[in-house]
């Protein structure tokens, strides 16, 4: 199970641990974003700090209907006690956890500042 809290801005936050190219583990807080269908997004400064490996370019349609092009990197993430190699989208925002990363999990959020955020693995019926 992965746990976090709801911040003062009503954002569900969970900690993420990512391996940098130097083999060190870096832990950052990330916002759970159910409107993002990707895996994970990280800001350019964190990608540079981690020295992540570039994979390709990506395209997305944003909520306002505009299209954006972005870089996609790959790195090792500690997720619910397991190591996963996943794609990371570059985005000028706080780190975001997307729906692809949460696939197979149940999300429970107590929507008030300081409320509990829980992601627990489920078996599909």
N, C-alpha and C. Protein backbone atom coordinates (compact mmCIF):
# COMPACT_ATOMS: atom_id res chain seq x y z
N UNK A 1 0.85 -1.18 0.00
CA UNK A 1 0.00 0.00 0.00
C UNK A 1 0.90 1.24 0.00
N UNK A 2 0.45 2.23 -0.73
CA UNK A 2 1.13 3.52 -0.80
C UNK A 2 0.24 4.53 -0.10
N UNK A 3 0.83 5.31 0.81
CA UNK A 3 0.02 6.28 1.54
C UNK A 3 0.61 7.68 1.41
N UNK A 4 -0.26 8.66 1.53
CA UNK A 4 0.14 10.05 1.49
C UNK A 4 -0.90 10.89 2.19
N UNK A 5 -0.86 12.20 1.91
CA UNK A 5 -1.82 13.11 2.54
C UNK A 5 -2.34 14.11 1.51
N UNK A 6 -3.45 14.73 1.85
CA UNK A 6 -4.01 15.82 1.06
C UNK A 6 -3.41 17.12 1.62
N UNK A 7 -2.86 17.95 0.72
CA UNK A 7 -2.24 19.20 1.19
C UNK A 7 -3.29 20.31 1.34
N UNK A 8 -2.82 21.51 1.71
CA UNK A 8 -3.73 22.65 1.94
C UNK A 8 -4.45 23.10 0.68
N UNK A 9 -3.90 22.74 -0.50
CA UNK A 9 -4.54 23.09 -1.77
C UNK A 9 -5.47 21.97 -2.26
N UNK A 10 -5.77 21.01 -1.39
CA UNK A 10 -6.64 19.87 -1.70
C UNK A 10 -6.05 18.96 -2.77
N UNK A 11 -4.72 18.89 -2.85
CA UNK A 11 -4.03 17.99 -3.79
C UNK A 11 -3.62 16.73 -3.05
N UNK A 12 -3.98 15.55 -3.59
CA UNK A 12 -3.52 14.30 -2.98
C UNK A 12 -2.04 14.09 -3.31
N UNK A 13 -1.21 13.96 -2.29
CA UNK A 13 0.23 13.87 -2.44
C UNK A 13 0.73 12.52 -1.94
N UNK A 14 1.60 11.87 -2.73
CA UNK A 14 2.26 10.65 -2.28
C UNK A 14 3.77 10.79 -2.53
N UNK A 15 4.59 10.11 -1.74
CA UNK A 15 6.03 10.14 -1.98
C UNK A 15 6.42 9.17 -3.09
N UNK A 16 7.39 9.58 -3.90
CA UNK A 16 7.92 8.72 -4.97
C UNK A 16 9.43 8.63 -4.83
N UNK A 17 9.97 7.45 -5.05
CA UNK A 17 11.42 7.25 -5.03
C UNK A 17 11.88 6.80 -6.40
N UNK A 18 12.78 7.59 -6.98
CA UNK A 18 13.27 7.36 -8.34
C UNK A 18 14.78 7.19 -8.27
N UNK A 19 15.31 6.23 -9.03
CA UNK A 19 16.75 6.05 -9.14
C UNK A 19 17.30 7.03 -10.16
N UNK A 20 18.32 7.76 -9.78
CA UNK A 20 19.04 8.60 -10.72
C UNK A 20 20.06 7.77 -11.48
N UNK A 21 20.66 8.35 -12.49
CA UNK A 21 21.67 7.65 -13.29
C UNK A 21 22.88 7.27 -12.45
N UNK A 22 23.08 7.98 -11.33
CA UNK A 22 24.21 7.69 -10.44
C UNK A 22 23.93 6.53 -9.48
N UNK A 23 22.72 5.93 -9.58
CA UNK A 23 22.36 4.81 -8.71
C UNK A 23 21.78 5.22 -7.38
N UNK A 24 21.75 6.52 -7.11
CA UNK A 24 21.16 7.02 -5.87
C UNK A 24 19.65 7.07 -5.99
N UNK A 25 18.97 6.90 -4.86
CA UNK A 25 17.51 7.02 -4.83
C UNK A 25 17.15 8.42 -4.38
N UNK A 26 16.29 9.08 -5.16
CA UNK A 26 15.80 10.41 -4.85
C UNK A 26 14.31 10.31 -4.55
N UNK A 27 13.90 10.85 -3.41
CA UNK A 27 12.49 10.81 -3.04
C UNK A 27 11.89 12.21 -3.14
N UNK A 28 10.78 12.30 -3.85
CA UNK A 28 10.05 13.55 -4.06
C UNK A 28 8.57 13.29 -3.83
N UNK A 29 7.85 14.34 -3.46
CA UNK A 29 6.40 14.24 -3.38
C UNK A 29 5.81 14.48 -4.76
N UNK A 30 4.72 13.77 -5.06
CA UNK A 30 4.05 13.92 -6.35
C UNK A 30 2.55 14.03 -6.11
N UNK A 31 1.89 14.77 -7.00
CA UNK A 31 0.45 14.94 -6.96
C UNK A 31 -0.22 13.82 -7.74
N UNK A 32 -1.21 13.18 -7.14
CA UNK A 32 -2.01 12.17 -7.84
C UNK A 32 -2.97 12.92 -8.74
N UNK A 33 -2.87 12.68 -10.06
CA UNK A 33 -3.66 13.42 -11.04
C UNK A 33 -4.49 12.44 -11.87
N UNK A 34 -5.77 12.30 -11.52
CA UNK A 34 -6.64 11.36 -12.23
C UNK A 34 -7.01 11.85 -13.63
N UNK A 35 -6.68 13.10 -13.97
CA UNK A 35 -6.91 13.61 -15.31
C UNK A 35 -5.74 13.38 -16.24
N UNK A 36 -4.67 12.79 -15.74
CA UNK A 36 -3.46 12.51 -16.52
C UNK A 36 -3.39 11.01 -16.77
N UNK A 37 -3.48 10.59 -18.03
CA UNK A 37 -3.52 9.15 -18.32
C UNK A 37 -2.13 8.55 -18.53
N UNK A 38 -1.08 9.35 -18.42
CA UNK A 38 0.28 8.84 -18.55
C UNK A 38 0.75 8.16 -17.27
N UNK A 39 2.05 7.90 -17.20
CA UNK A 39 2.65 7.23 -16.05
C UNK A 39 3.04 8.22 -14.97
N UNK A 40 3.97 9.09 -15.32
CA UNK A 40 4.51 10.03 -14.35
C UNK A 40 5.08 11.20 -15.12
N UNK A 41 4.93 12.40 -14.59
CA UNK A 41 5.60 13.55 -15.19
C UNK A 41 6.54 14.15 -14.16
N UNK A 42 7.66 14.65 -14.65
CA UNK A 42 8.66 15.29 -13.81
C UNK A 42 9.09 16.60 -14.45
N UNK A 43 9.45 17.60 -13.64
CA UNK A 43 9.91 18.87 -14.20
C UNK A 43 11.33 18.74 -14.77
N UNK A 44 11.68 19.61 -15.72
CA UNK A 44 13.00 19.54 -16.37
C UNK A 44 14.17 19.59 -15.40
N UNK A 45 14.08 20.42 -14.35
CA UNK A 45 15.21 20.51 -13.41
C UNK A 45 15.45 19.20 -12.66
N UNK A 46 14.39 18.48 -12.33
CA UNK A 46 14.54 17.19 -11.66
C UNK A 46 15.08 16.13 -12.62
N UNK A 47 14.61 16.16 -13.86
CA UNK A 47 15.12 15.23 -14.88
C UNK A 47 16.61 15.44 -15.07
N UNK A 48 17.05 16.72 -15.11
CA UNK A 48 18.48 17.01 -15.25
C UNK A 48 19.26 16.54 -14.02
N UNK A 49 18.71 16.77 -12.83
CA UNK A 49 19.37 16.34 -11.59
C UNK A 49 19.55 14.82 -11.57
N UNK A 50 18.53 14.09 -12.01
CA UNK A 50 18.58 12.63 -12.02
C UNK A 50 19.39 12.09 -13.20
N UNK A 51 19.64 12.95 -14.20
CA UNK A 51 20.36 12.56 -15.41
C UNK A 51 19.67 11.37 -16.09
N UNK A 52 18.35 11.50 -16.28
CA UNK A 52 17.55 10.40 -16.84
C UNK A 52 17.84 10.22 -18.33
N UNK A 53 17.62 9.00 -18.80
CA UNK A 53 17.87 8.63 -20.19
C UNK A 53 16.68 9.02 -21.08
N UNK A 54 16.97 9.85 -22.11
CA UNK A 54 15.95 10.27 -23.05
C UNK A 54 15.56 9.09 -23.93
N UNK A 55 14.25 8.92 -24.20
CA UNK A 55 13.76 7.82 -25.04
C UNK A 55 13.18 8.31 -26.36
N UNK A 56 12.27 9.30 -26.29
CA UNK A 56 11.57 9.74 -27.51
C UNK A 56 10.78 11.01 -27.21
N UNK A 57 10.09 11.50 -28.22
CA UNK A 57 9.16 12.63 -28.07
C UNK A 57 7.75 12.07 -27.97
N UNK A 58 6.88 12.82 -27.33
CA UNK A 58 5.49 12.43 -27.20
C UNK A 58 4.57 13.60 -27.53
N UNK A 59 3.31 13.30 -27.78
CA UNK A 59 2.30 14.32 -28.06
C UNK A 59 1.10 14.06 -27.16
N UNK A 60 0.46 15.15 -26.75
CA UNK A 60 -0.74 15.02 -25.92
C UNK A 60 -1.70 16.14 -26.24
N UNK A 61 -2.98 15.85 -26.07
CA UNK A 61 -4.02 16.86 -26.17
C UNK A 61 -4.35 17.28 -24.74
N UNK A 62 -4.22 18.56 -24.46
CA UNK A 62 -4.47 19.07 -23.12
C UNK A 62 -5.95 19.31 -22.89
N UNK A 63 -6.32 19.58 -21.66
CA UNK A 63 -7.71 19.80 -21.30
C UNK A 63 -8.37 20.94 -22.06
N UNK A 64 -7.56 21.93 -22.49
CA UNK A 64 -8.12 23.05 -23.23
C UNK A 64 -8.19 22.78 -24.74
N UNK A 65 -7.85 21.55 -25.15
CA UNK A 65 -7.91 21.17 -26.56
C UNK A 65 -6.63 21.42 -27.34
N UNK A 66 -5.67 22.11 -26.74
CA UNK A 66 -4.40 22.37 -27.44
C UNK A 66 -3.51 21.13 -27.40
N UNK A 67 -2.60 21.08 -28.35
CA UNK A 67 -1.67 19.94 -28.43
C UNK A 67 -0.31 20.39 -27.94
N UNK A 68 0.37 19.50 -27.24
CA UNK A 68 1.74 19.82 -26.82
C UNK A 68 2.65 18.65 -27.18
N UNK A 69 3.90 18.98 -27.42
CA UNK A 69 4.95 17.99 -27.70
C UNK A 69 5.92 18.05 -26.53
N UNK A 70 6.36 16.89 -26.06
CA UNK A 70 7.21 16.84 -24.87
C UNK A 70 8.21 15.70 -25.00
N UNK A 71 9.24 15.75 -24.17
CA UNK A 71 10.24 14.69 -24.12
C UNK A 71 9.79 13.60 -23.18
N UNK A 72 10.15 12.36 -23.52
CA UNK A 72 9.86 11.22 -22.67
C UNK A 72 11.20 10.58 -22.29
N UNK A 73 11.37 10.34 -21.01
CA UNK A 73 12.58 9.73 -20.47
C UNK A 73 12.21 8.39 -19.85
N UNK A 74 13.22 7.64 -19.42
CA UNK A 74 12.97 6.35 -18.78
C UNK A 74 13.84 6.25 -17.54
N UNK A 75 13.28 5.70 -16.47
CA UNK A 75 14.05 5.52 -15.25
C UNK A 75 13.42 4.43 -14.40
N UNK A 76 14.13 4.08 -13.36
CA UNK A 76 13.69 3.05 -12.42
C UNK A 76 12.99 3.73 -11.24
N UNK A 77 11.79 3.25 -10.93
CA UNK A 77 10.96 3.81 -9.87
C UNK A 77 10.67 2.73 -8.84
N UNK A 78 10.69 3.10 -7.57
CA UNK A 78 10.23 2.19 -6.52
C UNK A 78 8.74 2.45 -6.35
N UNK A 79 7.93 1.44 -6.64
CA UNK A 79 6.48 1.59 -6.60
C UNK A 79 5.88 0.46 -5.76
N UNK A 80 5.34 0.79 -4.62
CA UNK A 80 4.71 -0.18 -3.73
C UNK A 80 5.67 -1.34 -3.42
N UNK A 81 6.92 -0.99 -3.19
CA UNK A 81 7.94 -1.98 -2.83
C UNK A 81 8.57 -2.72 -4.00
N UNK A 82 8.11 -2.45 -5.21
CA UNK A 82 8.66 -3.11 -6.40
C UNK A 82 9.43 -2.11 -7.25
N UNK A 83 10.39 -2.61 -8.03
CA UNK A 83 11.13 -1.76 -8.96
C UNK A 83 10.50 -1.85 -10.33
N UNK A 84 10.15 -0.69 -10.90
CA UNK A 84 9.54 -0.63 -12.23
C UNK A 84 10.35 0.30 -13.11
N UNK A 85 10.62 -0.10 -14.33
CA UNK A 85 11.20 0.79 -15.32
C UNK A 85 10.04 1.36 -16.11
N UNK A 86 9.86 2.69 -16.01
CA UNK A 86 8.69 3.31 -16.63
C UNK A 86 9.09 4.56 -17.39
N UNK A 87 8.20 5.02 -18.30
CA UNK A 87 8.44 6.29 -18.99
C UNK A 87 8.02 7.46 -18.10
N UNK A 88 8.78 8.54 -18.19
CA UNK A 88 8.50 9.79 -17.48
C UNK A 88 8.30 10.88 -18.51
N UNK A 89 7.20 11.61 -18.44
CA UNK A 89 6.98 12.75 -19.32
C UNK A 89 7.62 13.99 -18.70
N UNK A 90 8.24 14.81 -19.53
CA UNK A 90 8.77 16.08 -19.06
C UNK A 90 7.65 17.11 -19.09
N UNK A 91 7.43 17.80 -17.96
CA UNK A 91 6.37 18.80 -17.89
C UNK A 91 6.78 19.89 -16.90
N UNK A 92 6.47 21.13 -17.26
CA UNK A 92 6.76 22.26 -16.37
C UNK A 92 5.70 22.34 -15.28
N UNK A 93 5.73 21.38 -14.38
CA UNK A 93 4.77 21.33 -13.28
C UNK A 93 5.40 20.54 -12.13
N UNK A 94 4.68 20.47 -11.05
CA UNK A 94 5.09 19.59 -9.97
C UNK A 94 5.05 18.14 -10.50
N UNK A 95 5.80 17.21 -9.90
CA UNK A 95 5.68 15.81 -10.32
C UNK A 95 4.22 15.34 -10.21
N UNK A 96 3.77 14.64 -11.25
CA UNK A 96 2.39 14.14 -11.31
C UNK A 96 2.38 12.63 -11.50
N UNK A 97 1.57 11.94 -10.71
CA UNK A 97 1.34 10.50 -10.87
C UNK A 97 0.10 10.35 -11.72
N UNK A 98 0.23 9.62 -12.84
CA UNK A 98 -0.89 9.44 -13.75
C UNK A 98 -1.60 8.11 -13.59
N UNK A 99 -2.68 7.96 -14.32
CA UNK A 99 -3.52 6.77 -14.22
C UNK A 99 -2.82 5.49 -14.69
N UNK A 100 -1.90 5.59 -15.65
CA UNK A 100 -1.20 4.38 -16.11
C UNK A 100 -0.36 3.77 -14.99
N UNK A 101 0.24 4.61 -14.17
CA UNK A 101 1.03 4.11 -13.05
C UNK A 101 0.12 3.49 -11.98
N UNK A 102 -1.08 4.02 -11.83
CA UNK A 102 -2.01 3.52 -10.81
C UNK A 102 -2.87 2.35 -11.29
N UNK A 103 -2.65 1.89 -12.52
CA UNK A 103 -3.41 0.76 -13.06
C UNK A 103 -3.32 -0.44 -12.11
N UNK A 104 -4.47 -1.01 -11.76
CA UNK A 104 -4.51 -2.16 -10.87
C UNK A 104 -4.57 -1.77 -9.39
N UNK A 105 -4.75 -0.48 -9.11
CA UNK A 105 -4.82 0.01 -7.73
C UNK A 105 -6.14 0.69 -7.47
N UNK A 106 -6.54 0.69 -6.22
CA UNK A 106 -7.69 1.46 -5.76
C UNK A 106 -7.17 2.71 -5.10
N UNK A 107 -7.74 3.85 -5.46
CA UNK A 107 -7.37 5.13 -4.87
C UNK A 107 -8.47 5.59 -3.91
N UNK A 108 -8.08 5.87 -2.67
CA UNK A 108 -9.01 6.41 -1.68
C UNK A 108 -8.42 7.72 -1.18
N UNK A 109 -9.22 8.79 -1.24
CA UNK A 109 -8.77 10.10 -0.81
C UNK A 109 -9.78 10.70 0.16
N UNK A 110 -9.30 11.07 1.33
CA UNK A 110 -10.12 11.84 2.27
C UNK A 110 -9.92 13.31 1.92
N UNK A 111 -10.93 13.93 1.34
CA UNK A 111 -10.77 15.25 0.74
C UNK A 111 -10.95 16.36 1.77
N UNK A 112 -9.87 16.59 2.51
CA UNK A 112 -9.72 17.73 3.42
C UNK A 112 -8.23 17.85 3.72
N UNK A 113 -7.74 19.04 4.00
CA UNK A 113 -6.32 19.19 4.30
C UNK A 113 -5.89 18.25 5.43
N UNK A 114 -4.84 17.49 5.17
CA UNK A 114 -4.37 16.50 6.14
C UNK A 114 -5.05 15.15 5.98
N UNK A 115 -6.01 15.05 5.04
CA UNK A 115 -6.72 13.79 4.82
C UNK A 115 -5.79 12.73 4.27
N UNK A 116 -6.15 11.48 4.47
CA UNK A 116 -5.35 10.33 4.05
C UNK A 116 -5.53 10.04 2.56
N UNK A 117 -4.43 9.69 1.90
CA UNK A 117 -4.44 9.21 0.51
C UNK A 117 -3.91 7.78 0.57
N UNK A 118 -4.66 6.83 0.00
CA UNK A 118 -4.24 5.44 -0.01
C UNK A 118 -4.36 4.86 -1.41
N UNK A 119 -3.31 4.21 -1.86
CA UNK A 119 -3.33 3.43 -3.08
C UNK A 119 -3.06 1.99 -2.69
N UNK A 120 -4.02 1.11 -2.95
CA UNK A 120 -3.84 -0.31 -2.60
C UNK A 120 -4.10 -1.16 -3.83
N UNK A 121 -3.26 -2.17 -3.97
CA UNK A 121 -3.36 -3.09 -5.11
C UNK A 121 -4.64 -3.90 -5.01
N UNK A 122 -5.33 -4.06 -6.13
CA UNK A 122 -6.56 -4.86 -6.16
C UNK A 122 -6.46 -5.89 -7.28
N UNK A 123 -7.22 -6.94 -7.12
CA UNK A 123 -7.31 -7.96 -8.15
C UNK A 123 -8.59 -7.72 -8.94
N UNK A 124 -8.47 -7.45 -10.25
CA UNK A 124 -9.68 -7.21 -11.04
C UNK A 124 -10.62 -8.41 -11.03
N UNK A 125 -11.92 -8.13 -11.02
CA UNK A 125 -12.93 -9.20 -10.99
C UNK A 125 -13.29 -9.59 -12.39
